[in-house]
Amino acid sequence: MTNTIFYLSTCDTCRRILKDINAAQYDFVLQDIKSTPITPEQLDTLREMAGGYEALFSRRSQQYKALGLGEKLLTEKDYRHYILEHYTFLKRPVVIHNGSIYIGNDKKTAEVLKQVLGL
């Protein structure tokens, strides 16, 4: 997979991270997952890189609570299904850079990504 950032354009945190890493100066493919949903093939590739669908699944999604998913025991198949069903279930941003994957917006991930990019 080429250097890609899967993000949500309406997410302030995603926009801040893209600005912080100056994504425009790198050769990233930017994919807004709301306007261009993640494909099953892309998701399967991300799973291979991340070690599982659960690592890519966001429990912060409003849909998570609305669907009562916290009360259910979810399988890898379930995580895949929900991520493909609704874009908010993908933890974001997901950054692919030189064959490595960086998932989510926590400070530690953002700092590691900045170091990797030489910022």
PDB file of N, CA and C in Angstrom:
ATOM      1  N   MET A   1       0.847  -1.182   0.000  1.00  0.00           N
ATOM      2  CA  MET A   1       0.000   0.000   0.000  1.00  0.00           C
ATOM      3  C   MET A   1       0.889   1.241   0.000  1.00  0.00           C
ATOM      4  N   THR A   2       0.530   2.194  -0.836  1.00  0.00           N
ATOM      5  CA  THR A   2       1.304   3.438  -0.901  1.00  0.00           C
ATOM      6  C   THR A   2       1.108   4.243   0.383  1.00  0.00           C
ATOM      7  N   ASN A   3       1.939   5.250   0.560  1.00  0.00           N
ATOM      8  CA  ASN A   3       1.803   6.134   1.718  1.00  0.00           C
ATOM      9  C   ASN A   3       0.432   6.799   1.662  1.00  0.00           C
ATOM     10  N   THR A   4      -0.404   6.482   2.632  1.00  0.00           N
ATOM     11  CA  THR A   4      -1.791   6.916   2.628  1.00  0.00           C
ATOM     12  C   THR A   4      -2.197   7.364   4.020  1.00  0.00           C
ATOM     13  N   ILE A   5      -3.078   8.351   4.062  1.00  0.00           N
ATOM     14  CA  ILE A   5      -3.701   8.752   5.321  1.00  0.00           C
ATOM     15  C   ILE A   5      -5.204   8.615   5.157  1.00  0.00           C
ATOM     16  N   PHE A   6      -5.798   7.761   5.979  1.00  0.00           N
ATOM     17  CA  PHE A   6      -7.241   7.615   6.049  1.00  0.00           C
ATOM     18  C   PHE A   6      -7.704   8.527   7.174  1.00  0.00           C
ATOM     19  N   TYR A   7      -8.560   9.479   6.856  1.00  0.00           N
ATOM     20  CA  TYR A   7      -8.955  10.482   7.835  1.00  0.00           C
ATOM     21  C   TYR A   7     -10.407  10.878   7.588  1.00  0.00           C
ATOM     22  N   LEU A   8     -10.912  11.720   8.462  1.00  0.00           N
ATOM     23  CA  LEU A   8     -12.259  12.256   8.333  1.00  0.00           C
ATOM     24  C   LEU A   8     -12.138  13.768   8.265  1.00  0.00           C
ATOM     25  N   SER A   9     -12.556  14.350   7.159  1.00  0.00           N
ATOM     26  CA  SER A   9     -12.371  15.791   6.940  1.00  0.00           C
ATOM     27  C   SER A   9     -13.174  16.642   7.918  1.00  0.00           C
ATOM     28  N   THR A  10     -14.215  16.088   8.504  1.00  0.00           N
ATOM     29  CA  THR A  10     -15.023  16.853   9.455  1.00  0.00           C
ATOM     30  C   THR A  10     -14.508  16.730  10.889  1.00  0.00           C
ATOM     31  N   CYS A  11     -13.432  15.996  11.078  1.00  0.00           N
ATOM     32  CA  CYS A  11     -12.868  15.765  12.415  1.00  0.00           C
ATOM     33  C   CYS A  11     -11.766  16.787  12.688  1.00  0.00           C
ATOM     34  N   ASP A  12     -11.976  17.612  13.707  1.00  0.00           N
ATOM     35  CA  ASP A  12     -10.984  18.636  14.059  1.00  0.00           C
ATOM     36  C   ASP A  12      -9.639  18.018  14.407  1.00  0.00           C
ATOM     37  N   THR A  13      -9.657  16.895  15.114  1.00  0.00           N
ATOM     38  CA  THR A  13      -8.408  16.240  15.508  1.00  0.00           C
ATOM     39  C   THR A  13      -7.643  15.756  14.288  1.00  0.00           C
ATOM     40  N   CYS A  14      -8.333  15.160  13.334  1.00  0.00           N
ATOM     41  CA  CYS A  14      -7.676  14.711  12.100  1.00  0.00           C
ATOM     42  C   CYS A  14      -7.063  15.901  11.362  1.00  0.00           C
ATOM     43  N   ARG A  15      -7.821  16.980  11.249  1.00  0.00           N
ATOM     44  CA  ARG A  15      -7.305  18.175  10.551  1.00  0.00           C
ATOM     45  C   ARG A  15      -6.078  18.728  11.262  1.00  0.00           C
ATOM     46  N   ARG A  16      -6.099  18.728  12.590  1.00  0.00           N
ATOM     47  CA  ARG A  16      -4.952  19.225  13.356  1.00  0.00           C
ATOM     48  C   ARG A  16      -3.723  18.357  13.118  1.00  0.00           C
ATOM     49  N   ILE A  17      -3.905  17.050  13.130  1.00  0.00           N
ATOM     50  CA  ILE A  17      -2.779  16.135  12.912  1.00  0.00           C
ATOM     51  C   ILE A  17      -2.221  16.307  11.503  1.00  0.00           C
ATOM     52  N   LEU A  18      -3.087  16.410  10.497  1.00  0.00           N
ATOM     53  CA  LEU A  18      -2.615  16.623   9.121  1.00  0.00           C
ATOM     54  C   LEU A  18      -1.808  17.908   9.022  1.00  0.00           C
ATOM     55  N   LYS A  19      -2.253  18.925   9.734  1.00  0.00           N
ATOM     56  CA  LYS A  19      -1.524  20.195   9.736  1.00  0.00           C
ATOM     57  C   LYS A  19      -0.198  20.049  10.487  1.00  0.00           C
ATOM     58  N   ASP A  20      -0.230  19.395  11.639  1.00  0.00           N
ATOM     59  CA  ASP A  20       0.976  19.224  12.459  1.00  0.00           C
ATOM     60  C   ASP A  20       2.079  18.466  11.723  1.00  0.00           C
ATOM     61  N   ILE A  21       1.697  17.466  10.950  1.00  0.00           N
ATOM     62  CA  ILE A  21       2.722  16.693  10.241  1.00  0.00           C
ATOM     63  C   ILE A  21       2.964  17.254   8.845  1.00  0.00           C
ATOM     64  N   ASN A  22       2.242  18.319   8.516  1.00  0.00           N
ATOM     65  CA  ASN A  22       2.380  18.963   7.203  1.00  0.00           C
ATOM     66  C   ASN A  22       2.273  17.915   6.101  1.00  0.00           C
ATOM     67  N   ALA A  23       1.160  17.206   6.117  1.00  0.00           N
ATOM     68  CA  ALA A  23       0.940  16.086   5.197  1.00  0.00           C
ATOM     69  C   ALA A  23       1.099  16.488   3.735  1.00  0.00           C
ATOM     70  N   ALA A  24       0.830  17.748   3.434  1.00  0.00           N
ATOM     71  CA  ALA A  24       0.914  18.203   2.045  1.00  0.00           C
ATOM     72  C   ALA A  24       2.333  18.118   1.488  1.00  0.00           C
ATOM     73  N   GLN A  25       3.335  18.204   2.346  1.00  0.00           N
ATOM     74  CA  GLN A  25       4.729  18.182   1.858  1.00  0.00           C
ATOM     75  C   GLN A  25       5.219  16.766   1.562  1.00  0.00           C
ATOM     76  N   TYR A  26       4.480  15.768   1.999  1.00  0.00           N
ATOM     77  CA  TYR A  26       4.872  14.382   1.764  1.00  0.00           C
ATOM     78  C   TYR A  26       4.035  13.801   0.640  1.00  0.00           C
ATOM     79  N   ASP A  27       4.445  12.669   0.166  1.00  0.00           N
ATOM     80  CA  ASP A  27       3.762  12.025  -0.945  1.00  0.00           C
ATOM     81  C   ASP A  27       2.661  11.098  -0.418  1.00  0.00           C
ATOM     82  N   PHE A  28       1.730  11.661   0.367  1.00  0.00           N
ATOM     83  CA  PHE A  28       0.634  10.891   0.924  1.00  0.00           C
ATOM     84  C   PHE A  28      -0.577  10.957   0.009  1.00  0.00           C
ATOM     85  N   VAL A  29      -1.256   9.849  -0.105  1.00  0.00           N
ATOM     86  CA  VAL A  29      -2.589   9.835  -0.691  1.00  0.00           C
ATOM     87  C   VAL A  29      -3.528  10.102   0.477  1.00  0.00           C
ATOM     88  N   LEU A  30      -4.329  11.144   0.377  1.00  0.00           N
ATOM     89  CA  LEU A  30      -5.270  11.484   1.438  1.00  0.00           C
ATOM     90  C   LEU A  30      -6.642  10.931   1.062  1.00  0.00           C
ATOM     91  N   GLN A  31      -7.198  10.103   1.945  1.00  0.00           N
ATOM     92  CA  GLN A  31      -8.498   9.518   1.670  1.00  0.00           C
ATOM     93  C   GLN A  31      -9.466   9.877   2.781  1.00  0.00           C
ATOM     94  N   ASP A  32     -10.407  10.763   2.461  1.00  0.00           N
ATOM     95  CA  ASP A  32     -11.466  11.130   3.399  1.00  0.00           C
ATOM     96  C   ASP A  32     -12.460   9.971   3.412  1.00  0.00           C
ATOM     97  N   ILE A  33     -12.539   9.266   4.517  1.00  0.00           N
ATOM     98  CA  ILE A  33     -13.329   8.035   4.575  1.00  0.00           C
ATOM     99  C   ILE A  33     -14.835   8.281   4.529  1.00  0.00           C
ATOM    100  N   LYS A  34     -15.257   9.535   4.678  1.00  0.00           N
ATOM    101  CA  LYS A  34     -16.675   9.833   4.551  1.00  0.00           C
ATOM    102  C   LYS A  34     -17.071   9.946   3.079  1.00  0.00           C
ATOM    103  N   SER A  35     -16.262  10.639   2.301  1.00  0.00           N
ATOM    104  CA  SER A  35     -16.589  10.818   0.881  1.00  0.00           C
ATOM    105  C   SER A  35     -16.088   9.667   0.011  1.00  0.00           C
ATOM    106  N   THR A  36     -15.016   9.002   0.459  1.00  0.00           N
ATOM    107  CA  THR A  36     -14.474   7.842  -0.257  1.00  0.00           C
ATOM    108  C   THR A  36     -14.296   6.716   0.759  1.00  0.00           C
ATOM    109  N   PRO A  37     -15.345   5.941   0.975  1.00  0.00           N
ATOM    110  CA  PRO A  37     -15.284   4.895   2.007  1.00  0.00           C
ATOM    111  C   PRO A  37     -14.131   3.921   1.783  1.00  0.00           C
ATOM    112  N   ILE A  38     -13.646   3.408   2.880  1.00  0.00           N
ATOM    113  CA  ILE A  38     -12.585   2.410   2.818  1.00  0.00           C
ATOM    114  C   ILE A  38     -13.151   1.150   2.162  1.00  0.00           C
ATOM    115  N   THR A  39     -12.368   0.539   1.303  1.00  0.00           N
ATOM    116  CA  THR A  39     -12.821  -0.663   0.611  1.00  0.00           C
ATOM    117  C   THR A  39     -12.498  -1.896   1.458  1.00  0.00           C
ATOM    118  N   PRO A  40     -13.191  -2.998   1.190  1.00  0.00           N
ATOM    119  CA  PRO A  40     -12.856  -4.242   1.908  1.00  0.00           C
ATOM    120  C   PRO A  40     -11.389  -4.635   1.711  1.00  0.00           C
ATOM    121  N   GLU A  41     -10.873  -4.435   0.509  1.00  0.00           N
ATOM    122  CA  GLU A  41      -9.475  -4.785   0.231  1.00  0.00           C
ATOM    123  C   GLU A  41      -8.514  -3.904   1.029  1.00  0.00           C
ATOM    124  N   GLN A  42      -8.801  -2.602   1.081  1.00  0.00           N
ATOM    125  CA  GLN A  42      -7.956  -1.701   1.875  1.00  0.00           C
ATOM    126  C   GLN A  42      -7.994  -2.100   3.344  1.00  0.00           C
ATOM    127  N   LEU A  43      -9.189  -2.372   3.849  1.00  0.00           N
ATOM    128  CA  LEU A  43      -9.329  -2.737   5.255  1.00  0.00           C
ATOM    129  C   LEU A  43      -8.582  -4.025   5.567  1.00  0.00           C
ATOM    130  N   ASP A  44      -8.657  -4.999   4.672  1.00  0.00           N
ATOM    131  CA  ASP A  44      -7.943  -6.253   4.897  1.00  0.00           C
ATOM    132  C   ASP A  44      -6.431  -6.034   4.922  1.00  0.00           C
ATOM    133  N   THR A  45      -5.934  -5.135   4.072  1.00  0.00           N
ATOM    134  CA  THR A  45      -4.506  -4.801   4.080  1.00  0.00           C
ATOM    135  C   THR A  45      -4.125  -4.115   5.390  1.00  0.00           C
ATOM    136  N   LEU A  46      -4.965  -3.196   5.855  1.00  0.00           N
ATOM    137  CA  LEU A  46      -4.701  -2.520   7.127  1.00  0.00           C
ATOM    138  C   LEU A  46      -4.701  -3.522   8.277  1.00  0.00           C
ATOM    139  N   ARG A  47      -5.612  -4.492   8.228  1.00  0.00           N
ATOM    140  CA  ARG A  47      -5.658  -5.515   9.279  1.00  0.00           C
ATOM    141  C   ARG A  47      -4.355  -6.296   9.338  1.00  0.00           C
ATOM    142  N   GLU A  48      -3.843  -6.658   8.161  1.00  0.00           N
ATOM    143  CA  GLU A  48      -2.574  -7.388   8.124  1.00  0.00           C
ATOM    144  C   GLU A  48      -1.463  -6.565   8.766  1.00  0.00           C
ATOM    145  N   MET A  49      -1.445  -5.276   8.484  1.00  0.00           N
ATOM    146  CA  MET A  49      -0.405  -4.403   9.033  1.00  0.00           C
ATOM    147  C   MET A  49      -0.585  -4.166  10.529  1.00  0.00           C
ATOM    148  N   ALA A  50      -1.857  -4.074  10.970  1.00  0.00           N
ATOM    149  CA  ALA A  50      -2.157  -3.741  12.366  1.00  0.00           C
ATOM    150  C   ALA A  50      -2.223  -4.963  13.271  1.00  0.00           C
ATOM    151  N   GLY A  51      -2.363  -6.157  12.677  1.00  0.00           N
ATOM    152  CA  GLY A  51      -2.450  -7.363  13.480  1.00  0.00           C
ATOM    153  C   GLY A  51      -3.869  -7.771  13.819  1.00  0.00           C
ATOM    154  N   GLY A  52      -4.840  -7.016  13.374  1.00  0.00           N
ATOM    155  CA  GLY A  52      -6.237  -7.387  13.615  1.00  0.00           C
ATOM    156  C   GLY A  52      -7.162  -6.218  13.375  1.00  0.00           C
ATOM    157  N   TYR A  53      -8.428  -6.523  13.142  1.00  0.00           N
ATOM    158  CA  TYR A  53      -9.423  -5.476  12.929  1.00  0.00           C
ATOM    159  C   TYR A  53      -9.690  -4.688  14.207  1.00  0.00           C
ATOM    160  N   GLU A  54      -9.581  -5.349  15.345  1.00  0.00           N
ATOM    161  CA  GLU A  54      -9.858  -4.669  16.614  1.00  0.00           C
ATOM    162  C   GLU A  54      -8.944  -3.460  16.804  1.00  0.00           C
ATOM    163  N   ALA A  55      -7.701  -3.560  16.366  1.00  0.00           N
ATOM    164  CA  ALA A  55      -6.759  -2.443  16.498  1.00  0.00           C
ATOM    165  C   ALA A  55      -7.202  -1.230  15.685  1.00  0.00           C
ATOM    166  N   LEU A  56      -8.034  -1.458  14.682  1.00  0.00           N
ATOM    167  CA  LEU A  56      -8.511  -0.385  13.804  1.00  0.00           C
ATOM    168  C   LEU A  56      -9.892   0.125  14.204  1.00  0.00           C
ATOM    169  N   PHE A  57     -10.494  -0.498  15.195  1.00  0.00           N
ATOM    170  CA  PHE A  57     -11.881  -0.219  15.570  1.00  0.00           C
ATOM    171  C   PHE A  57     -11.953   0.862  16.640  1.00  0.00           C
ATOM    172  N   SER A  58     -12.814   1.842  16.401  1.00  0.00           N
ATOM    173  CA  SER A  58     -12.990   2.935  17.360  1.00  0.00           C
ATOM    174  C   SER A  58     -14.200   2.706  18.244  1.00  0.00           C
ATOM    175  N   ARG A  59     -13.946   2.646  19.524  1.00  0.00           N
ATOM    176  CA  ARG A  59     -15.039   2.540  20.497  1.00  0.00           C
ATOM    177  C   ARG A  59     -15.566   3.930  20.864  1.00  0.00           C
ATOM    178  N   ARG A  60     -14.965   4.964  20.321  1.00  0.00           N
ATOM    179  CA  ARG A  60     -15.411   6.333  20.569  1.00  0.00           C
ATOM    180  C   ARG A  60     -16.538   6.748  19.636  1.00  0.00           C
ATOM    181  N   SER A  61     -16.795   5.960  18.632  1.00  0.00           N
ATOM    182  CA  SER A  61     -17.860   6.264  17.678  1.00  0.00           C
ATOM    183  C   SER A  61     -19.192   6.398  18.411  1.00  0.00           C
ATOM    184  N   GLN A  62     -19.976   7.393  18.033  1.00  0.00           N
ATOM    185  CA  GLN A  62     -21.305   7.543  18.624  1.00  0.00           C
ATOM    186  C   GLN A  62     -22.167   6.326  18.307  1.00  0.00           C
ATOM    187  N   GLN A  63     -21.902   5.696  17.187  1.00  0.00           N
ATOM    188  CA  GLN A  63     -22.634   4.500  16.790  1.00  0.00           C
ATOM    189  C   GLN A  63     -22.379   3.339  17.764  1.00  0.00           C
ATOM    190  N   TYR A  64     -21.188   3.308  18.358  1.00  0.00           N
ATOM    191  CA  TYR A  64     -20.818   2.234  19.280  1.00  0.00           C
ATOM    192  C   TYR A  64     -21.814   2.173  20.434  1.00  0.00           C
ATOM    193  N   LYS A  65     -22.065   3.319  21.024  1.00  0.00           N
ATOM    194  CA  LYS A  65     -23.001   3.380  22.152  1.00  0.00           C
ATOM    195  C   LYS A  65     -24.437   3.201  21.669  1.00  0.00           C
ATOM    196  N   ALA A  66     -24.781   3.859  20.558  1.00  0.00           N
ATOM    197  CA  ALA A  66     -26.153   3.797  20.035  1.00  0.00           C
ATOM    198  C   ALA A  66     -26.575   2.361  19.714  1.00  0.00           C
ATOM    199  N   LEU A  67     -25.647   1.566  19.217  1.00  0.00           N
ATOM    200  CA  LEU A  67     -25.952   0.175  18.862  1.00  0.00           C
ATOM    201  C   LEU A  67     -25.773  -0.794  20.030  1.00  0.00           C
ATOM    202  N   GLY A  68     -25.346  -0.256  21.184  1.00  0.00           N
ATOM    203  CA  GLY A  68     -25.158  -1.101  22.359  1.00  0.00           C
ATOM    204  C   GLY A  68     -24.032  -2.101  22.204  1.00  0.00           C
ATOM    205  N   LEU A  69     -23.015  -1.747  21.429  1.00  0.00           N
ATOM    206  CA  LEU A  69     -21.927  -2.697  21.159  1.00  0.00           C
ATOM    207  C   LEU A  69     -21.060  -2.968  22.380  1.00  0.00           C
ATOM    208  N   GLY A  70     -21.073  -2.052  23.346  1.00  0.00           N
ATOM    209  CA  GLY A  70     -20.309  -2.268  24.569  1.00  0.00           C
ATOM    210  C   GLY A  70     -20.824  -3.439  25.379  1.00  0.00           C
ATOM    211  N   GLU A  71     -22.060  -3.820  25.119  1.00  0.00           N
ATOM    212  CA  GLU A  71     -22.700  -4.928  25.833  1.00  0.00           C
ATOM    213  C   GLU A  71     -22.479  -6.270  25.130  1.00  0.00           C
ATOM    214  N   LYS A  72     -21.867  -6.224  23.948  1.00  0.00           N
ATOM    215  CA  LYS A  72     -21.698  -7.440  23.154  1.00  0.00           C
ATOM    216  C   LYS A  72     -20.236  -7.859  23.110  1.00  0.00           C
ATOM    217  N   LEU A  73     -20.024  -9.144  22.939  1.00  0.00           N
ATOM    218  CA  LEU A  73     -18.680  -9.677  22.746  1.00  0.00           C
ATOM    219  C   LEU A  73     -18.430  -9.709  21.237  1.00  0.00           C
ATOM    220  N   LEU A  74     -17.615  -8.791  20.754  1.00  0.00           N
ATOM    221  CA  LEU A  74     -17.386  -8.664  19.314  1.00  0.00           C
ATOM    222  C   LEU A  74     -16.212  -9.534  18.869  1.00  0.00           C
ATOM    223  N   THR A  75     -16.368 -10.100  17.687  1.00  0.00           N
ATOM    224  CA  THR A  75     -15.310 -10.913  17.085  1.00  0.00           C
ATOM    225  C   THR A  75     -14.591 -10.091  16.024  1.00  0.00           C
ATOM    226  N   GLU A  76     -13.512 -10.611  15.492  1.00  0.00           N
ATOM    227  CA  GLU A  76     -12.797  -9.934  14.402  1.00  0.00           C
ATOM    228  C   GLU A  76     -13.727  -9.726  13.207  1.00  0.00           C
ATOM    229  N   LYS A  77     -14.582 -10.719  12.950  1.00  0.00           N
ATOM    230  CA  LYS A  77     -15.552 -10.596  11.861  1.00  0.00           C
ATOM    231  C   LYS A  77     -16.510  -9.428  12.118  1.00  0.00           C
ATOM    232  N   ASP A  78     -16.925  -9.264  13.380  1.00  0.00           N
ATOM    233  CA  ASP A  78     -17.811  -8.150  13.741  1.00  0.00           C
ATOM    234  C   ASP A  78     -17.109  -6.806  13.544  1.00  0.00           C
ATOM    235  N   TYR A  79     -15.863  -6.707  13.999  1.00  0.00           N
ATOM    236  CA  TYR A  79     -15.121  -5.446  13.845  1.00  0.00           C
ATOM    237  C   TYR A  79     -15.031  -5.072  12.369  1.00  0.00           C
ATOM    238  N   ARG A  80     -14.709  -6.040  11.534  1.00  0.00           N
ATOM    239  CA  ARG A  80     -14.605  -5.793  10.086  1.00  0.00           C
ATOM    240  C   ARG A  80     -15.946  -5.308   9.538  1.00  0.00           C
ATOM    241  N   HIS A  81     -17.011  -6.000   9.905  1.00  0.00           N
ATOM    242  CA  HIS A  81     -18.351  -5.647   9.443  1.00  0.00           C
ATOM    243  C   HIS A  81     -18.703  -4.198   9.816  1.00  0.00           C
ATOM    244  N   TYR A  82     -18.506  -3.832  11.074  1.00  0.00           N
ATOM    245  CA  TYR A  82     -18.892  -2.494  11.522  1.00  0.00           C
ATOM    246  C   TYR A  82     -18.036  -1.398  10.884  1.00  0.00           C
ATOM    247  N   ILE A  83     -16.749  -1.652  10.717  1.00  0.00           N
ATOM    248  CA  ILE A  83     -15.883  -0.647  10.071  1.00  0.00           C
ATOM    249  C   ILE A  83     -16.331  -0.410   8.636  1.00  0.00           C
ATOM    250  N   LEU A  84     -16.674  -1.477   7.940  1.00  0.00           N
ATOM    251  CA  LEU A  84     -17.132  -1.333   6.552  1.00  0.00           C
ATOM    252  C   LEU A  84     -18.543  -0.745   6.476  1.00  0.00           C
ATOM    253  N   GLU A  85     -19.346  -0.998   7.499  1.00  0.00           N
ATOM    254  CA  GLU A  85     -20.722  -0.521   7.499  1.00  0.00           C
ATOM    255  C   GLU A  85     -20.816   0.979   7.746  1.00  0.00           C
ATOM    256  N   HIS A  86     -19.988   1.508   8.644  1.00  0.00           N
ATOM    257  CA  HIS A  86     -20.071   2.926   8.978  1.00  0.00           C
ATOM    258  C   HIS A  86     -18.669   3.477   9.250  1.00  0.00           C
ATOM    259  N   TYR A  87     -18.333   4.511   8.516  1.00  0.00           N
ATOM    260  CA  TYR A  87     -16.971   5.070   8.556  1.00  0.00           C
ATOM    261  C   TYR A  87     -16.511   5.491   9.944  1.00  0.00           C
ATOM    262  N   THR A  88     -17.427   5.833  10.844  1.00  0.00           N
ATOM    263  CA  THR A  88     -16.986   6.309  12.157  1.00  0.00           C
ATOM    264  C   THR A  88     -16.379   5.211  13.024  1.00  0.00           C
ATOM    265  N   PHE A  89     -16.545   3.959  12.603  1.00  0.00           N
ATOM    266  CA  PHE A  89     -15.948   2.871  13.374  1.00  0.00           C
ATOM    267  C   PHE A  89     -14.450   2.692  13.098  1.00  0.00           C
ATOM    268  N   LEU A  90     -13.925   3.352  12.077  1.00  0.00           N
ATOM    269  CA  LEU A  90     -12.478   3.277  11.829  1.00  0.00           C
ATOM    270  C   LEU A  90     -11.774   4.273  12.735  1.00  0.00           C
ATOM    271  N   LYS A  91     -10.864   3.770  13.553  1.00  0.00           N
ATOM    272  CA  LYS A  91     -10.051   4.645  14.405  1.00  0.00           C
ATOM    273  C   LYS A  91      -9.215   5.505  13.472  1.00  0.00           C
ATOM    274  N   ARG A  92      -9.153   6.792  13.736  1.00  0.00           N
ATOM    275  CA  ARG A  92      -8.485   7.680  12.790  1.00  0.00           C
ATOM    276  C   ARG A  92      -7.678   8.750  13.475  1.00  0.00           C
ATOM    277  N   PRO A  93      -6.737   9.274  12.707  1.00  0.00           N
ATOM    278  CA  PRO A  93      -6.370   8.869  11.361  1.00  0.00           C
ATOM    279  C   PRO A  93      -5.581   7.557  11.371  1.00  0.00           C
ATOM    280  N   VAL A  94      -5.572   6.914  10.225  1.00  0.00           N
ATOM    281  CA  VAL A  94      -4.699   5.762  10.001  1.00  0.00           C
ATOM    282  C   VAL A  94      -3.685   6.224   8.963  1.00  0.00           C
ATOM    283  N   VAL A  95      -2.417   6.176   9.355  1.00  0.00           N
ATOM    284  CA  VAL A  95      -1.347   6.650   8.483  1.00  0.00           C
ATOM    285  C   VAL A  95      -0.475   5.467   8.084  1.00  0.00           C
ATOM    286  N   ILE A  96      -0.310   5.310   6.778  1.00  0.00           N
ATOM    287  CA  ILE A  96       0.608   4.309   6.247  1.00  0.00           C
ATOM    288  C   ILE A  96       1.791   5.082   5.696  1.00  0.00           C
ATOM    289  N   HIS A  97       2.979   4.792   6.213  1.00  0.00           N
ATOM    290  CA  HIS A  97       4.186   5.472   5.756  1.00  0.00           C
ATOM    291  C   HIS A  97       5.321   4.468   5.673  1.00  0.00           C
ATOM    292  N   ASN A  98       5.853   4.309   4.470  1.00  0.00           N
ATOM    293  CA  ASN A  98       6.978   3.402   4.225  1.00  0.00           C
ATOM    294  C   ASN A  98       6.770   2.014   4.832  1.00  0.00           C
ATOM    295  N   GLY A  99       5.571   1.479   4.649  1.00  0.00           N
ATOM    296  CA  GLY A  99       5.279   0.122   5.097  1.00  0.00           C
ATOM    297  C   GLY A  99       4.916  -0.024   6.557  1.00  0.00           C
ATOM    298  N   SER A 100       4.879   1.081   7.299  1.00  0.00           N
ATOM    299  CA  SER A 100       4.480   1.033   8.708  1.00  0.00           C
ATOM    300  C   SER A 100       3.113   1.678   8.869  1.00  0.00           C
ATOM    301  N   ILE A 101       2.415   1.280   9.929  1.00  0.00           N
ATOM    302  CA  ILE A 101       1.080   1.803  10.179  1.00  0.00           C
ATOM    303  C   ILE A 101       1.040   2.527  11.522  1.00  0.00           C
ATOM    304  N   TYR A 102       0.351   3.655  11.542  1.00  0.00           N
ATOM    305  CA  TYR A 102       0.169   4.464  12.751  1.00  0.00           C
ATOM    306  C   TYR A 102      -1.332   4.703  12.871  1.00  0.00           C
ATOM    307  N   ILE A 103      -1.903   4.269  13.990  1.00  0.00           N
ATOM    308  CA  ILE A 103      -3.357   4.256  14.132  1.00  0.00           C
ATOM    309  C   ILE A 103      -3.785   5.148  15.290  1.00  0.00           C
ATOM    310  N   GLY A 104      -4.729   6.033  14.994  1.00  0.00           N
ATOM    311  CA  GLY A 104      -5.355   6.827  16.041  1.00  0.00           C
ATOM    312  C   GLY A 104      -4.694   8.164  16.269  1.00  0.00           C
ATOM    313  N   ASN A 105      -5.270   8.873  17.236  1.00  0.00           N
ATOM    314  CA  ASN A 105      -4.853  10.244  17.460  1.00  0.00           C
ATOM    315  C   ASN A 105      -4.279  10.509  18.847  1.00  0.00           C
ATOM    316  N   ASP A 106      -3.920   9.445  19.566  1.00  0.00           N
ATOM    317  CA  ASP A 106      -3.344   9.704  20.887  1.00  0.00           C
ATOM    318  C   ASP A 106      -1.973  10.363  20.739  1.00  0.00           C
ATOM    319  N   LYS A 107      -1.553  11.054  21.781  1.00  0.00           N
ATOM    320  CA  LYS A 107      -0.315  11.842  21.725  1.00  0.00           C
ATOM    321  C   LYS A 107       0.905  10.991  21.389  1.00  0.00           C
ATOM    322  N   LYS A 108       0.970   9.799  21.953  1.00  0.00           N
ATOM    323  CA  LYS A 108       2.128   8.936  21.730  1.00  0.00           C
ATOM    324  C   LYS A 108       2.259   8.582  20.243  1.00  0.00           C
ATOM    325  N   THR A 109       1.148   8.209  19.616  1.00  0.00           N
ATOM    326  CA  THR A 109       1.167   7.867  18.192  1.00  0.00           C
ATOM    327  C   THR A 109       1.567   9.070  17.359  1.00  0.00           C
ATOM    328  N   ALA A 110       1.002  10.234  17.681  1.00  0.00           N
ATOM    329  CA  ALA A 110       1.323  11.459  16.938  1.00  0.00           C
ATOM    330  C   ALA A 110       2.803  11.809  17.065  1.00  0.00           C
ATOM    331  N   GLU A 111       3.365  11.642  18.239  1.00  0.00           N
ATOM    332  CA  GLU A 111       4.789  11.958  18.451  1.00  0.00           C
ATOM    333  C   GLU A 111       5.696  10.997  17.693  1.00  0.00           C
ATOM    334  N   VAL A 112       5.363   9.706  17.706  1.00  0.00           N
ATOM    335  CA  VAL A 112       6.142   8.717  16.971  1.00  0.00           C
ATOM    336  C   VAL A 112       6.096   9.038  15.483  1.00  0.00           C
ATOM    337  N   LEU A 113       4.927   9.373  14.984  1.00  0.00           N
ATOM    338  CA  LEU A 113       4.790   9.710  13.566  1.00  0.00           C
ATOM    339  C   LEU A 113       5.623  10.933  13.217  1.00  0.00           C
ATOM    340  N   LYS A 114       5.610  11.942  14.078  1.00  0.00           N
ATOM    341  CA  LYS A 114       6.427  13.139  13.830  1.00  0.00           C
ATOM    342  C   LYS A 114       7.911  12.793  13.774  1.00  0.00           C
ATOM    343  N   GLN A 115       8.365  11.910  14.672  1.00  0.00           N
ATOM    344  CA  GLN A 115       9.763  11.492  14.687  1.00  0.00           C
ATOM    345  C   GLN A 115      10.113  10.768  13.385  1.00  0.00           C
ATOM    346  N   VAL A 116       9.246   9.866  12.957  1.00  0.00           N
ATOM    347  CA  VAL A 116       9.475   9.092  11.744  1.00  0.00           C
ATOM    348  C   VAL A 116       9.573  10.032  10.528  1.00  0.00           C
ATOM    349  N   LEU A 117       8.745  11.071  10.530  1.00  0.00           N
ATOM    350  CA  LEU A 117       8.755  12.025   9.419  1.00  0.00           C
ATOM    351  C   LEU A 117       9.856  13.075   9.543  1.00  0.00           C
ATOM    352  N   GLY A 118      10.582  13.029  10.659  1.00  0.00           N
ATOM    353  CA  GLY A 118      11.690  13.966  10.856  1.00  0.00           C
ATOM    354  C   GLY A 118      11.240  15.356  11.245  1.00  0.00           C
ATOM    355  N   LEU A 119      10.120  15.440  11.950  1.00  0.00           N
ATOM    356  CA  LEU A 119       9.603  16.750  12.359  1.00  0.00           C
ATOM    357  C   LEU A 119       9.959  17.064  13.800  1.00  0.00           C
TER     358      LEU A 119
END
